[in-house]
PDB file of N, CA and C in Angstrom:
ATOM      1  N   MET A   1      58.146  17.519  -1.307  1.00  0.00           N
ATOM      2  CA  MET A   1      57.131  16.283  -1.693  1.00  0.00           C
ATOM      3  C   MET A   1      58.056  15.710  -2.807  1.00  0.00           C
ATOM      4  N   ARG A   2      57.840  16.754  -4.037  1.00  0.00           N
ATOM      5  CA  ARG A   2      58.378  16.918  -5.321  1.00  0.00           C
ATOM      6  C   ARG A   2      59.951  16.768  -4.911  1.00  0.00           C
ATOM      7  N   GLY A   3      60.481  17.462  -3.970  1.00  0.00           N
ATOM      8  CA  GLY A   3      61.967  17.327  -3.757  1.00  0.00           C
ATOM      9  C   GLY A   3      62.442  15.555  -3.601  1.00  0.00           C
ATOM     10  N   LEU A   4      61.016  15.298  -2.656  1.00  0.00           N
ATOM     11  CA  LEU A   4      61.709  13.883  -2.250  1.00  0.00           C
ATOM     12  C   LEU A   4      61.971  13.358  -3.624  1.00  0.00           C
ATOM     13  N   VAL A   5      60.724  13.093  -4.571  1.00  0.00           N
ATOM     14  CA  VAL A   5      60.581  12.062  -5.371  1.00  0.00           C
ATOM     15  C   VAL A   5      61.812  12.775  -6.718  1.00  0.00           C
ATOM     16  N   LEU A   6      62.097  13.929  -6.699  1.00  0.00           N
ATOM     17  CA  LEU A   6      63.452  13.942  -7.925  1.00  0.00           C
ATOM     18  C   LEU A   6      64.935  13.132  -7.223  1.00  0.00           C
ATOM     19  N   ILE A   7      64.890  13.186  -5.676  1.00  0.00           N
ATOM     20  CA  ILE A   7      65.841  13.289  -4.911  1.00  0.00           C
ATOM     21  C   ILE A   7      65.958  11.020  -5.168  1.00  0.00           C
ATOM     22  N   GLY A   8      64.897  10.901  -5.069  1.00  0.00           N
ATOM     23  CA  GLY A   8      64.344   9.624  -5.047  1.00  0.00           C
ATOM     24  C   GLY A   8      64.837   8.644  -6.529  1.00  0.00           C
ATOM     25  N   SER A   9      64.012   9.954  -7.241  1.00  0.00           N
ATOM     26  CA  SER A   9      65.086   9.808  -8.638  1.00  0.00           C
ATOM     27  C   SER A   9      66.297   9.581  -9.178  1.00  0.00           C
ATOM     28  N   ALA A  10      66.823  10.287  -8.686  1.00  0.00           N
ATOM     29  CA  ALA A  10      67.946  10.612  -8.603  1.00  0.00           C
ATOM     30  C   ALA A  10      68.614   9.182  -8.127  1.00  0.00           C
ATOM     31  N   PHE A  11      68.571   8.954  -6.962  1.00  0.00           N
ATOM     32  CA  PHE A  11      69.527   8.044  -6.640  1.00  0.00           C
ATOM     33  C   PHE A  11      69.521   6.635  -7.539  1.00  0.00           C
ATOM     34  N   VAL A  12      68.125   6.235  -8.048  1.00  0.00           N
ATOM     35  CA  VAL A  12      67.932   5.324  -8.949  1.00  0.00           C
ATOM     36  C   VAL A  12      69.018   5.223  -9.587  1.00  0.00           C
ATOM     37  N   LEU A  13      68.846   6.397 -10.480  1.00  0.00           N
ATOM     38  CA  LEU A  13      70.049   6.107 -11.620  1.00  0.00           C
ATOM     39  C   LEU A  13      71.731   5.968 -11.301  1.00  0.00           C
ATOM     40  N   ALA A  14      71.876   5.283  -9.722  1.00  0.00           N
ATOM     41  CA  ALA A  14      72.949   5.313  -9.435  1.00  0.00           C
ATOM     42  C   ALA A  14      73.005   4.539  -9.704  1.00  0.00           C
ATOM     43  N   ALA A  15      72.628   3.465 -10.278  1.00  0.00           N
ATOM     44  CA  ALA A  15      73.217   2.122 -10.330  1.00  0.00           C
ATOM     45  C   ALA A  15      72.819   2.039 -12.045  1.00  0.00           C
ATOM     46  N   ALA A  16      74.385   1.662 -12.409  1.00  0.00           N
ATOM     47  CA  ALA A  16      74.759   0.613 -13.568  1.00  0.00           C
ATOM     48  C   ALA A  16      75.739  -0.395 -13.301  1.00  0.00           C
ATOM     49  N   PRO A  17      74.970  -2.023 -13.937  1.00  0.00           N
ATOM     50  CA  PRO A  17      75.838  -2.783 -14.088  1.00  0.00           C
ATOM     51  C   PRO A  17      76.614  -3.108 -15.033  1.00  0.00           C
ATOM     52  N   ALA A  18      77.458  -4.257 -15.003  1.00  0.00           N
ATOM     53  CA  ALA A  18      78.280  -4.104 -15.617  1.00  0.00           C
ATOM     54  C   ALA A  18      78.418  -5.914 -15.721  1.00  0.00           C
ATOM     55  N   LEU A  19      77.626  -6.388 -17.337  1.00  0.00           N
ATOM     56  CA  LEU A  19      77.861  -7.774 -17.525  1.00  0.00           C
ATOM     57  C   LEU A  19      78.257  -8.239 -18.477  1.00  0.00           C
ATOM     58  N   ALA A  20      78.538  -6.876 -19.780  1.00  0.00           N
ATOM     59  CA  ALA A  20      79.330  -6.703 -20.945  1.00  0.00           C
ATOM     60  C   ALA A  20      80.444  -5.403 -20.397  1.00  0.00           C
ATOM     61  N   ALA A  21      81.264  -6.507 -21.093  1.00  0.00           N
ATOM     62  CA  ALA A  21      82.699  -5.320 -20.219  1.00  0.00           C
ATOM     63  C   ALA A  21      82.685  -3.865 -21.590  1.00  0.00           C
ATOM     64  N   ASP A  22      81.621  -4.625 -22.651  1.00  0.00           N
ATOM     65  CA  ASP A  22      81.560  -3.019 -23.758  1.00  0.00           C
ATOM     66  C   ASP A  22      80.093  -2.203 -23.065  1.00  0.00           C
ATOM     67  N   ASP A  23      79.490  -3.186 -22.508  1.00  0.00           N
ATOM     68  CA  ASP A  23      77.574  -2.146 -22.499  1.00  0.00           C
ATOM     69  C   ASP A  23      77.507  -2.102 -20.526  1.00  0.00           C
ATOM     70  N   ILE A  24      77.768  -1.287 -19.697  1.00  0.00           N
ATOM     71  CA  ILE A  24      78.194  -1.336 -18.237  1.00  0.00           C
ATOM     72  C   ILE A  24      76.527  -1.419 -17.710  1.00  0.00           C
ATOM     73  N   MET A  25      75.699  -0.960 -18.523  1.00  0.00           N
ATOM     74  CA  MET A  25      74.177  -1.055 -18.831  1.00  0.00           C
ATOM     75  C   MET A  25      73.726  -2.859 -18.816  1.00  0.00           C
ATOM     76  N   ALA A  26      74.227  -3.546 -19.419  1.00  0.00           N
ATOM     77  CA  ALA A  26      73.542  -4.437 -20.066  1.00  0.00           C
ATOM     78  C   ALA A  26      72.865  -5.425 -18.990  1.00  0.00           C
ATOM     79  N   GLY A  27      73.534  -5.740 -17.739  1.00  0.00           N
ATOM     80  CA  GLY A  27      72.370  -6.396 -16.393  1.00  0.00           C
ATOM     81  C   GLY A  27      70.865  -5.868 -16.270  1.00  0.00           C
ATOM     82  N   PHE A  28      70.573  -4.611 -16.551  1.00  0.00           N
ATOM     83  CA  PHE A  28      69.373  -3.446 -16.339  1.00  0.00           C
ATOM     84  C   PHE A  28      68.458  -3.925 -17.290  1.00  0.00           C
ATOM     85  N   TYR A  29      68.600  -4.064 -18.465  1.00  0.00           N
ATOM     86  CA  TYR A  29      67.746  -4.805 -19.690  1.00  0.00           C
ATOM     87  C   TYR A  29      66.764  -5.432 -19.043  1.00  0.00           C
ATOM     88  N   GLY A  30      65.891  -5.144 -18.980  1.00  0.00           N
ATOM     89  CA  GLY A  30      64.532  -5.766 -18.743  1.00  0.00           C
ATOM     90  C   GLY A  30      64.683  -6.215 -17.405  1.00  0.00           C
ATOM     91  N   ASN A  31      65.405  -5.372 -16.626  1.00  0.00           N
ATOM     92  CA  ASN A  31      65.047  -5.459 -14.820  1.00  0.00           C
ATOM     93  C   ASN A  31      64.785  -4.162 -14.633  1.00  0.00           C
ATOM     94  N   THR A  32      64.370  -4.138 -13.366  1.00  0.00           N
ATOM     95  CA  THR A  32      63.596  -2.986 -12.538  1.00  0.00           C
ATOM     96  C   THR A  32      64.953  -3.162 -11.570  1.00  0.00           C
ATOM     97  N   VAL A  33      64.957  -1.387 -11.425  1.00  0.00           N
ATOM     98  CA  VAL A  33      66.182  -0.855 -10.461  1.00  0.00           C
ATOM     99  C   VAL A  33      65.084  -0.169  -8.995  1.00  0.00           C
ATOM    100  N   ILE A  34      64.843  -0.925  -7.831  1.00  0.00           N
ATOM    101  CA  ILE A  34      64.205  -0.251  -6.805  1.00  0.00           C
ATOM    102  C   ILE A  34      64.863   0.312  -5.334  1.00  0.00           C
ATOM    103  N   SER A  35      64.438   2.161  -6.112  1.00  0.00           N
ATOM    104  CA  SER A  35      65.308   2.637  -4.903  1.00  0.00           C
ATOM    105  C   SER A  35      63.947   2.965  -3.773  1.00  0.00           C
ATOM    106  N   SER A  36      64.692   2.695  -2.264  1.00  0.00           N
ATOM    107  CA  SER A  36      63.734   2.995  -1.102  1.00  0.00           C
ATOM    108  C   SER A  36      64.366   3.531  -0.275  1.00  0.00           C
ATOM    109  N   GLY A  37      63.488   4.271   0.908  1.00  0.00           N
ATOM    110  CA  GLY A  37      63.824   5.201   1.684  1.00  0.00           C
ATOM    111  C   GLY A  37      63.190   6.138   1.982  1.00  0.00           C
ATOM    112  N   GLY A  38      62.855   6.430   3.453  1.00  0.00           N
ATOM    113  CA  GLY A  38      61.863   7.475   3.952  1.00  0.00           C
ATOM    114  C   GLY A  38      60.692   7.337   3.653  1.00  0.00           C
ATOM    115  N   VAL A  39      60.675   8.149   2.535  1.00  0.00           N
ATOM    116  CA  VAL A  39      58.460   8.130   2.401  1.00  0.00           C
ATOM    117  C   VAL A  39      58.524   7.758   0.512  1.00  0.00           C
ATOM    118  N   LEU A  40      59.617   7.978   0.141  1.00  0.00           N
ATOM    119  CA  LEU A  40      60.036   7.801  -1.222  1.00  0.00           C
ATOM    120  C   LEU A  40      60.242   6.031  -1.958  1.00  0.00           C
ATOM    121  N   GLU A  41      59.641   5.893  -2.730  1.00  0.00           N
ATOM    122  CA  GLU A  41      59.913   4.849  -3.739  1.00  0.00           C
ATOM    123  C   GLU A  41      60.002   4.517  -5.392  1.00  0.00           C
ATOM    124  N   SER A  42      60.645   4.141  -5.913  1.00  0.00           N
ATOM    125  CA  SER A  42      60.632   4.389  -7.308  1.00  0.00           C
ATOM    126  C   SER A  42      61.211   3.262  -7.714  1.00  0.00           C
ATOM    127  N   HIS A  43      60.523   2.816  -9.249  1.00  0.00           N
ATOM    128  CA  HIS A  43      60.851   1.686  -9.869  1.00  0.00           C
ATOM    129  C   HIS A  43      61.087   2.369 -11.476  1.00  0.00           C
ATOM    130  N   THR A  44      62.799   2.131 -11.441  1.00  0.00           N
ATOM    131  CA  THR A  44      63.221   2.100 -13.197  1.00  0.00           C
ATOM    132  C   THR A  44      63.844   0.936 -13.901  1.00  0.00           C
ATOM    133  N   HIS A  45      63.312   1.871 -15.014  1.00  0.00           N
ATOM    134  CA  HIS A  45      63.575   0.238 -16.146  1.00  0.00           C
ATOM    135  C   HIS A  45      64.378   0.957 -17.314  1.00  0.00           C
ATOM    136  N   TYR A  46      65.675   0.001 -17.545  1.00  0.00           N
ATOM    137  CA  TYR A  46      66.651   0.592 -18.468  1.00  0.00           C
ATOM    138  C   TYR A  46      66.425  -0.276 -20.048  1.00  0.00           C
ATOM    139  N   ARG A  47      66.929   0.528 -21.271  1.00  0.00           N
ATOM    140  CA  ARG A  47      66.641  -0.232 -21.965  1.00  0.00           C
ATOM    141  C   ARG A  47      67.879  -0.147 -23.067  1.00  0.00           C
ATOM    142  N   ALA A  48      68.370  -0.961 -24.136  1.00  0.00           N
ATOM    143  CA  ALA A  48      69.169  -0.932 -24.422  1.00  0.00           C
ATOM    144  C   ALA A  48      69.321  -0.188 -25.967  1.00  0.00           C
ATOM    145  N   ASP A  49      67.996   0.903 -25.847  1.00  0.00           N
ATOM    146  CA  ASP A  49      68.238   1.873 -27.242  1.00  0.00           C
ATOM    147  C   ASP A  49      68.103   3.054 -26.388  1.00  0.00           C
ATOM    148  N   HIS A  50      68.626   3.102 -25.324  1.00  0.00           N
ATOM    149  CA  HIS A  50      69.302   4.346 -23.833  1.00  0.00           C
ATOM    150  C   HIS A  50      67.938   4.812 -23.829  1.00  0.00           C
ATOM    151  N   THR A  51      66.851   4.687 -23.681  1.00  0.00           N
ATOM    152  CA  THR A  51      65.848   5.005 -22.936  1.00  0.00           C
ATOM    153  C   THR A  51      65.656   4.358 -21.765  1.00  0.00           C
ATOM    154  N   PHE A  52      64.783   5.488 -20.910  1.00  0.00           N
ATOM    155  CA  PHE A  52      64.322   4.637 -19.409  1.00  0.00           C
ATOM    156  C   PHE A  52      62.707   5.159 -19.207  1.00  0.00           C
ATOM    157  N   ASP A  53      62.313   4.231 -18.166  1.00  0.00           N
ATOM    158  CA  ASP A  53      61.197   5.127 -17.672  1.00  0.00           C
ATOM    159  C   ASP A  53      61.294   4.727 -16.047  1.00  0.00           C
ATOM    160  N   VAL A  54      60.632   5.987 -15.271  1.00  0.00           N
ATOM    161  CA  VAL A  54      61.070   5.583 -13.741  1.00  0.00           C
ATOM    162  C   VAL A  54      59.312   6.022 -13.196  1.00  0.00           C
ATOM    163  N   THR A  55      58.820   5.245 -12.554  1.00  0.00           N
ATOM    164  CA  THR A  55      58.015   5.648 -11.597  1.00  0.00           C
ATOM    165  C   THR A  55      58.039   5.800 -10.099  1.00  0.00           C
ATOM    166  N   ALA A  56      57.703   6.943  -9.317  1.00  0.00           N
ATOM    167  CA  ALA A  56      58.205   6.775  -7.736  1.00  0.00           C
ATOM    168  C   ALA A  56      56.468   7.566  -7.309  1.00  0.00           C
ATOM    169  N   THR A  57      56.775   7.130  -5.696  1.00  0.00           N
ATOM    170  CA  THR A  57      55.420   7.513  -5.494  1.00  0.00           C
ATOM    171  C   THR A  57      55.906   7.819  -3.701  1.00  0.00           C
ATOM    172  N   ALA A  58      55.716   8.620  -2.917  1.00  0.00           N
ATOM    173  CA  ALA A  58      56.106   9.454  -2.253  1.00  0.00           C
ATOM    174  C   ALA A  58      54.883   9.973  -1.676  1.00  0.00           C
ATOM    175  N   MET A  59      54.171  10.068   0.060  1.00  0.00           N
ATOM    176  CA  MET A  59      53.090  10.193   0.372  1.00  0.00           C
ATOM    177  C   MET A  59      51.550  10.915  -0.248  1.00  0.00           C
ATOM    178  N   GLY A  60      51.478   9.157  -1.066  1.00  0.00           N
ATOM    179  CA  GLY A  60      50.207   9.252  -2.096  1.00  0.00           C
ATOM    180  C   GLY A  60      50.225   9.648  -2.953  1.00  0.00           C
ATOM    181  N   GLN A  61      51.618  10.706  -3.340  1.00  0.00           N
ATOM    182  CA  GLN A  61      51.577  11.418  -4.962  1.00  0.00           C
ATOM    183  C   GLN A  61      52.698  10.535  -5.735  1.00  0.00           C
ATOM    184  N   SER A  62      51.989  10.330  -6.993  1.00  0.00           N
ATOM    185  CA  SER A  62      53.071   9.470  -7.724  1.00  0.00           C
ATOM    186  C   SER A  62      53.703  10.647  -8.727  1.00  0.00           C
ATOM    187  N   PHE A  63      54.952   9.969  -9.386  1.00  0.00           N
ATOM    188  CA  PHE A  63      55.587  10.751 -10.630  1.00  0.00           C
ATOM    189  C   PHE A  63      55.553   9.523 -11.324  1.00  0.00           C
ATOM    190  N   ASN A  64      55.436   9.989 -12.526  1.00  0.00           N
ATOM    191  CA  ASN A  64      56.132   8.800 -13.769  1.00  0.00           C
ATOM    192  C   ASN A  64      56.844   9.726 -14.830  1.00  0.00           C
ATOM    193  N   GLY A  65      57.814   8.978 -15.488  1.00  0.00           N
ATOM    194  CA  GLY A  65      58.983   9.960 -16.095  1.00  0.00           C
ATOM    195  C   GLY A  65      59.693   9.454 -16.851  1.00  0.00           C
ATOM    196  N   LYS A  66      60.363   9.959 -18.250  1.00  0.00           N
ATOM    197  CA  LYS A  66      61.310   8.713 -19.242  1.00  0.00           C
ATOM    198  C   LYS A  66      61.857   9.609 -19.911  1.00  0.00           C
ATOM    199  N   GLY A  67      62.580   9.213 -20.891  1.00  0.00           N
ATOM    200  CA  GLY A  67      63.890  10.046 -21.221  1.00  0.00           C
ATOM    201  C   GLY A  67      64.789   9.191 -21.883  1.00  0.00           C
ATOM    202  N   THR A  68      65.981   9.805 -21.823  1.00  0.00           N
ATOM    203  CA  THR A  68      67.167   9.101 -22.424  1.00  0.00           C
ATOM    204  C   THR A  68      68.418   8.986 -21.310  1.00  0.00           C
ATOM    205  N   TRP A  69      69.047   7.743 -21.240  1.00  0.00           N
ATOM    206  CA  TRP A  69      69.949   7.416 -20.865  1.00  0.00           C
ATOM    207  C   TRP A  69      71.616   7.527 -21.740  1.00  0.00           C
ATOM    208  N   ALA A  70      73.238   7.926 -21.229  1.00  0.00           N
ATOM    209  CA  ALA A  70      74.165   7.610 -21.131  1.00  0.00           C
ATOM    210  C   ALA A  70      75.325   7.652 -20.509  1.00  0.00           C
ATOM    211  N   ILE A  71      76.168   7.208 -20.736  1.00  0.00           N
ATOM    212  CA  ILE A  71      77.467   6.964 -19.718  1.00  0.00           C
ATOM    213  C   ILE A  71      78.690   7.918 -20.539  1.00  0.00           C
ATOM    214  N   ASP A  72      78.552   9.026 -19.542  1.00  0.00           N
ATOM    215  CA  ASP A  72      79.541  10.086 -19.777  1.00  0.00           C
ATOM    216  C   ASP A  72      80.558   9.548 -19.870  1.00  0.00           C
ATOM    217  N   ASP A  73      81.556  10.959 -20.391  1.00  0.00           N
ATOM    218  CA  ASP A  73      82.962  10.326 -20.340  1.00  0.00           C
ATOM    219  C   ASP A  73      83.882  10.485 -18.959  1.00  0.00           C
ATOM    220  N   LYS A  74      82.977  10.496 -18.065  1.00  0.00           N
ATOM    221  CA  LYS A  74      83.397  10.595 -16.141  1.00  0.00           C
ATOM    222  C   LYS A  74      82.824   8.894 -16.157  1.00  0.00           C
ATOM    223  N   GLY A  75      82.243   8.752 -16.421  1.00  0.00           N
ATOM    224  CA  GLY A  75      82.032   7.369 -16.208  1.00  0.00           C
ATOM    225  C   GLY A  75      80.461   7.647 -15.469  1.00  0.00           C
ATOM    226  N   GLN A  76      80.257   8.554 -15.667  1.00  0.00           N
ATOM    227  CA  GLN A  76      78.573   8.832 -14.690  1.00  0.00           C
ATOM    228  C   GLN A  76      77.709   8.067 -15.832  1.00  0.00           C
ATOM    229  N   LEU A  77      76.630   8.027 -15.210  1.00  0.00           N
ATOM    230  CA  LEU A  77      75.399   7.950 -15.899  1.00  0.00           C
ATOM    231  C   LEU A  77      74.559   8.913 -15.491  1.00  0.00           C
ATOM    232  N   CYS A  78      73.760   9.122 -16.801  1.00  0.00           N
ATOM    233  CA  CYS A  78      73.275  10.520 -17.012  1.00  0.00           C
ATOM    234  C   CYS A  78      71.960  10.064 -17.447  1.00  0.00           C
ATOM    235  N   ARG A  79      71.072  11.183 -17.099  1.00  0.00           N
ATOM    236  CA  ARG A  79      69.913  10.745 -17.773  1.00  0.00           C
ATOM    237  C   ARG A  79      69.014  12.480 -17.927  1.00  0.00           C
ATOM    238  N   THR A  80      68.636  11.646 -18.878  1.00  0.00           N
ATOM    239  CA  THR A  80      67.940  13.579 -19.294  1.00  0.00           C
ATOM    240  C   THR A  80      66.521  12.820 -19.558  1.00  0.00           C
ATOM    241  N   TYR A  81      65.695  13.592 -18.993  1.00  0.00           N
ATOM    242  CA  TYR A  81      64.181  13.856 -18.873  1.00  0.00           C
ATOM    243  C   TYR A  81      63.410  14.574 -19.825  1.00  0.00           C
ATOM    244  N   GLU A  82      62.596  13.909 -20.575  1.00  0.00           N
ATOM    245  CA  GLU A  82      61.335  14.144 -21.428  1.00  0.00           C
ATOM    246  C   GLU A  82      61.189  15.760 -20.630  1.00  0.00           C
ATOM    247  N   THR A  83      60.200  15.307 -19.795  1.00  0.00           N
ATOM    248  CA  THR A  83      59.804  16.293 -19.146  1.00  0.00           C
ATOM    249  C   THR A  83      60.520  16.275 -17.558  1.00  0.00           C
ATOM    250  N   PRO A  84      61.406  17.389 -17.493  1.00  0.00           N
ATOM    251  CA  PRO A  84      62.409  17.224 -15.715  1.00  0.00           C
ATOM    252  C   PRO A  84      61.290  17.073 -14.997  1.00  0.00           C
ATOM    253  N   PRO A  85      61.658  16.607 -13.492  1.00  0.00           N
ATOM    254  CA  PRO A  85      60.628  17.234 -12.308  1.00  0.00           C
ATOM    255  C   PRO A  85      61.268  18.451 -11.771  1.00  0.00           C
ATOM    256  N   PRO A  86      60.271  19.193 -11.123  1.00  0.00           N
ATOM    257  CA  PRO A  86      60.919  20.401 -10.809  1.00  0.00           C
ATOM    258  C   PRO A  86      61.809  20.258  -9.828  1.00  0.00           C
ATOM    259  N   GLY A  87      62.854  21.106  -9.994  1.00  0.00           N
ATOM    260  CA  GLY A  87      63.871  21.355  -9.116  1.00  0.00           C
ATOM    261  C   GLY A  87      64.829  20.379  -9.691  1.00  0.00           C
ATOM    262  N   MET A  88      64.551  19.644 -10.570  1.00  0.00           N
ATOM    263  CA  MET A  88      65.584  18.695 -10.973  1.00  0.00           C
ATOM    264  C   MET A  88      66.683  19.284 -11.619  1.00  0.00           C
ATOM    265  N   PRO A  89      67.916  18.771 -12.160  1.00  0.00           N
ATOM    266  CA  PRO A  89      68.786  19.225 -13.320  1.00  0.00           C
ATOM    267  C   PRO A  89      68.754  18.230 -14.148  1.00  0.00           C
ATOM    268  N   ASN A  90      68.783  18.551 -15.558  1.00  0.00           N
ATOM    269  CA  ASN A  90      68.603  18.118 -16.336  1.00  0.00           C
ATOM    270  C   ASN A  90      69.310  17.985 -17.960  1.00  0.00           C
ATOM    271  N   PRO A  91      70.468  17.403 -17.861  1.00  0.00           N
ATOM    272  CA  PRO A  91      70.574  15.822 -17.296  1.00  0.00           C
ATOM    273  C   PRO A  91      70.961  15.713 -15.905  1.00  0.00           C
ATOM    274  N   LEU A  92      70.702  14.686 -15.069  1.00  0.00           N
ATOM    275  CA  LEU A  92      70.721  14.250 -14.089  1.00  0.00           C
ATOM    276  C   LEU A  92      72.326  13.625 -14.056  1.00  0.00           C
ATOM    277  N   CYS A  93      73.150  13.577 -13.536  1.00  0.00           N
ATOM    278  CA  CYS A  93      74.329  12.409 -13.866  1.00  0.00           C
ATOM    279  C   CYS A  93      74.672  12.031 -12.417  1.00  0.00           C
ATOM    280  N   ILE A  94      75.043  10.940 -12.084  1.00  0.00           N
ATOM    281  CA  ILE A  94      75.130  10.460 -10.712  1.00  0.00           C
ATOM    282  C   ILE A  94      76.746   9.116 -10.864  1.00  0.00           C
ATOM    283  N   PRO A  95      77.488   9.452 -10.596  1.00  0.00           N
ATOM    284  CA  PRO A  95      78.443   8.103 -10.213  1.00  0.00           C
ATOM    285  C   PRO A  95      77.721   6.335 -10.700  1.00  0.00           C
ATOM    286  N   SER A  96      78.391   6.113 -11.366  1.00  0.00           N
ATOM    287  CA  SER A  96      77.963   4.582 -12.216  1.00  0.00           C
ATOM    288  C   SER A  96      78.653   3.338 -11.350  1.00  0.00           C
ATOM    289  N   GLU A  97      78.296   2.274 -10.739  1.00  0.00           N
ATOM    290  CA  GLU A  97      78.633   1.253 -10.585  1.00  0.00           C
ATOM    291  C   GLU A  97      78.214  -0.130 -11.129  1.00  0.00           C
ATOM    292  N   SER A  98      78.980  -0.920 -10.946  1.00  0.00           N
ATOM    293  CA  SER A  98      78.533  -2.164 -11.692  1.00  0.00           C
ATOM    294  C   SER A  98      77.699  -2.802 -10.289  1.00  0.00           C
ATOM    295  N   HIS A  99      76.706  -3.583 -10.995  1.00  0.00           N
ATOM    296  CA  HIS A  99      75.399  -4.344 -10.288  1.00  0.00           C
ATOM    297  C   HIS A  99      74.962  -5.698 -10.972  1.00  0.00           C
ATOM    298  N   LYS A 100      74.325  -6.543 -10.596  1.00  0.00           N
ATOM    299  CA  LYS A 100      73.893  -7.690 -11.461  1.00  0.00           C
ATOM    300  C   LYS A 100      72.153  -8.136 -10.318  1.00  0.00           C
ATOM    301  N   VAL A 101      71.253  -8.698 -10.896  1.00  0.00           N
ATOM    302  CA  VAL A 101      70.731  -9.045 -10.485  1.00  0.00           C
ATOM    303  C   VAL A 101      70.540  -9.462  -9.032  1.00  0.00           C
ATOM    304  N   GLY A 102      70.011  -9.130  -8.069  1.00  0.00           N
ATOM    305  CA  GLY A 102      69.629  -9.680  -6.791  1.00  0.00           C
ATOM    306  C   GLY A 102      70.873  -8.896  -6.121  1.00  0.00           C
ATOM    307  N   ASP A 103      71.683  -7.863  -6.422  1.00  0.00           N
ATOM    308  CA  ASP A 103      72.326  -7.350  -5.703  1.00  0.00           C
ATOM    309  C   ASP A 103      71.744  -6.096  -4.878  1.00  0.00           C
ATOM    310  N   SER A 104      71.892  -5.587  -3.492  1.00  0.00           N
ATOM    311  CA  SER A 104      71.351  -4.779  -3.374  1.00  0.00           C
ATOM    312  C   SER A 104      72.867  -3.584  -2.563  1.00  0.00           C
ATOM    313  N   TRP A 105      72.232  -2.722  -2.426  1.00  0.00           N
ATOM    314  CA  TRP A 105      73.523  -0.890  -1.772  1.00  0.00           C
ATOM    315  C   TRP A 105      72.887  -0.450  -1.573  1.00  0.00           C
ATOM    316  N   THR A 106      73.803   0.893  -1.010  1.00  0.00           N
ATOM    317  CA  THR A 106      73.474   2.178  -1.293  1.00  0.00           C
ATOM    318  C   THR A 106      73.849   3.520  -1.996  1.00  0.00           C
ATOM    319  N   VAL A 107      73.266   4.383  -1.585  1.00  0.00           N
ATOM    320  CA  VAL A 107      73.831   5.255  -2.299  1.00  0.00           C
ATOM    321  C   VAL A 107      73.376   6.638  -1.905  1.00  0.00           C
ATOM    322  N   THR A 108      74.635   7.727  -1.455  1.00  0.00           N
ATOM    323  CA  THR A 108      74.489   8.592  -1.002  1.00  0.00           C
ATOM    324  C   THR A 108      74.058   9.848  -1.932  1.00  0.00           C
ATOM    325  N   VAL A 109      73.745  10.349  -1.926  1.00  0.00           N
ATOM    326  CA  VAL A 109      73.692  11.889  -3.422  1.00  0.00           C
ATOM    327  C   VAL A 109      73.328  12.753  -2.477  1.00  0.00           C
ATOM    328  N   ASN A 110      73.544  13.994  -2.057  1.00  0.00           N
ATOM    329  CA  ASN A 110      73.407  15.221  -1.318  1.00  0.00           C
ATOM    330  C   ASN A 110      73.140  15.146   0.151  1.00  0.00           C
ATOM    331  N   GLY A 111      73.770  14.158   0.226  1.00  0.00           N
ATOM    332  CA  GLY A 111      73.649  14.297   2.236  1.00  0.00           C
ATOM    333  C   GLY A 111      72.600  12.975   2.625  1.00  0.00           C
ATOM    334  N   GLY A 112      71.563  12.187   1.661  1.00  0.00           N
ATOM    335  CA  GLY A 112      70.261  11.508   1.616  1.00  0.00           C
ATOM    336  C   GLY A 112      71.053  10.009   1.547  1.00  0.00           C
ATOM    337  N   THR A 113      70.329   9.073   2.386  1.00  0.00           N
ATOM    338  CA  THR A 113      70.936   7.587   1.629  1.00  0.00           C
ATOM    339  C   THR A 113      69.738   6.867   0.992  1.00  0.00           C
ATOM    340  N   ARG A 114      69.961   6.314   0.021  1.00  0.00           N
ATOM    341  CA  ARG A 114      68.495   5.468  -0.658  1.00  0.00           C
ATOM    342  C   ARG A 114      69.611   3.903  -0.349  1.00  0.00           C
ATOM    343  N   ASN A 115      68.512   2.924  -0.138  1.00  0.00           N
ATOM    344  CA  ASN A 115      68.629   1.776  -0.487  1.00  0.00           C
ATOM    345  C   ASN A 115      67.974   1.351  -1.718  1.00  0.00           C
ATOM    346  N   MET A 116      68.815   0.345  -2.602  1.00  0.00           N
ATOM    347  CA  MET A 116      68.666   0.330  -3.877  1.00  0.00           C
ATOM    348  C   MET A 116      68.334  -1.523  -4.142  1.00  0.00           C
ATOM    349  N   THR A 117      67.992  -1.935  -5.126  1.00  0.00           N
ATOM    350  CA  THR A 117      68.047  -3.577  -5.511  1.00  0.00           C
ATOM    351  C   THR A 117      67.687  -3.421  -6.474  1.00  0.00           C
ATOM    352  N   LEU A 118      68.141  -4.235  -7.168  1.00  0.00           N
ATOM    353  CA  LEU A 118      68.133  -5.030  -8.679  1.00  0.00           C
ATOM    354  C   LEU A 118      67.363  -6.047  -8.878  1.00  0.00           C
ATOM    355  N   LYS A 119      66.136  -5.927  -9.008  1.00  0.00           N
ATOM    356  CA  LYS A 119      64.894  -7.285  -9.548  1.00  0.00           C
ATOM    357  C   LYS A 119      65.399  -7.654 -10.328  1.00  0.00           C
ATOM    358  N   ALA A 120      65.210  -8.961 -10.655  1.00  0.00           N
ATOM    359  CA  ALA A 120      64.713  -9.489 -12.022  1.00  0.00           C
ATOM    360  C   ALA A 120      63.235  -9.158 -12.671  1.00  0.00           C
ATOM    361  N   GLY A 121      63.090  -8.584 -13.966  1.00  0.00           N
ATOM    362  CA  GLY A 121      61.760  -8.282 -14.700  1.00  0.00           C
ATOM    363  C   GLY A 121      61.209  -7.117 -14.686  1.00  0.00           C
ATOM    364  N   ILE A 122      60.234  -6.709 -15.180  1.00  0.00           N
ATOM    365  CA  ILE A 122      59.566  -5.652 -15.188  1.00  0.00           C
ATOM    366  C   ILE A 122      58.770  -5.559 -13.708  1.00  0.00           C
ATOM    367  N   GLN A 123      59.048  -4.827 -12.609  1.00  0.00           N
ATOM    368  CA  GLN A 123      58.076  -4.602 -11.773  1.00  0.00           C
ATOM    369  C   GLN A 123      57.493  -2.899 -11.487  1.00  0.00           C
TER     370      GLN A 123
END
């Protein structure tokens, strides 16, 4: 169960929009990345000060986390949790790609596929 939460949380990280050439995450500020599929749904919020928070629910259980994010020299979105979920690497880095509010896409990590949506506002 916790593994599902961790995997889902990881998929949420795969989203990295580019509305400003110098800030690939600009489109995420003030908005929500929703990751769904299987028994897990997560909502992630990124901030310009390089912090994030995430809430995930699966099978009647929930996880709340927060930490910092950065784009590494490989162009990956890396999240470092204050208290990482069990079994998840910390930091967790995933290739990033540009998206804007209203976009939907899929992400595959470790053989699992998640449906991603960037929604306007904090949800």
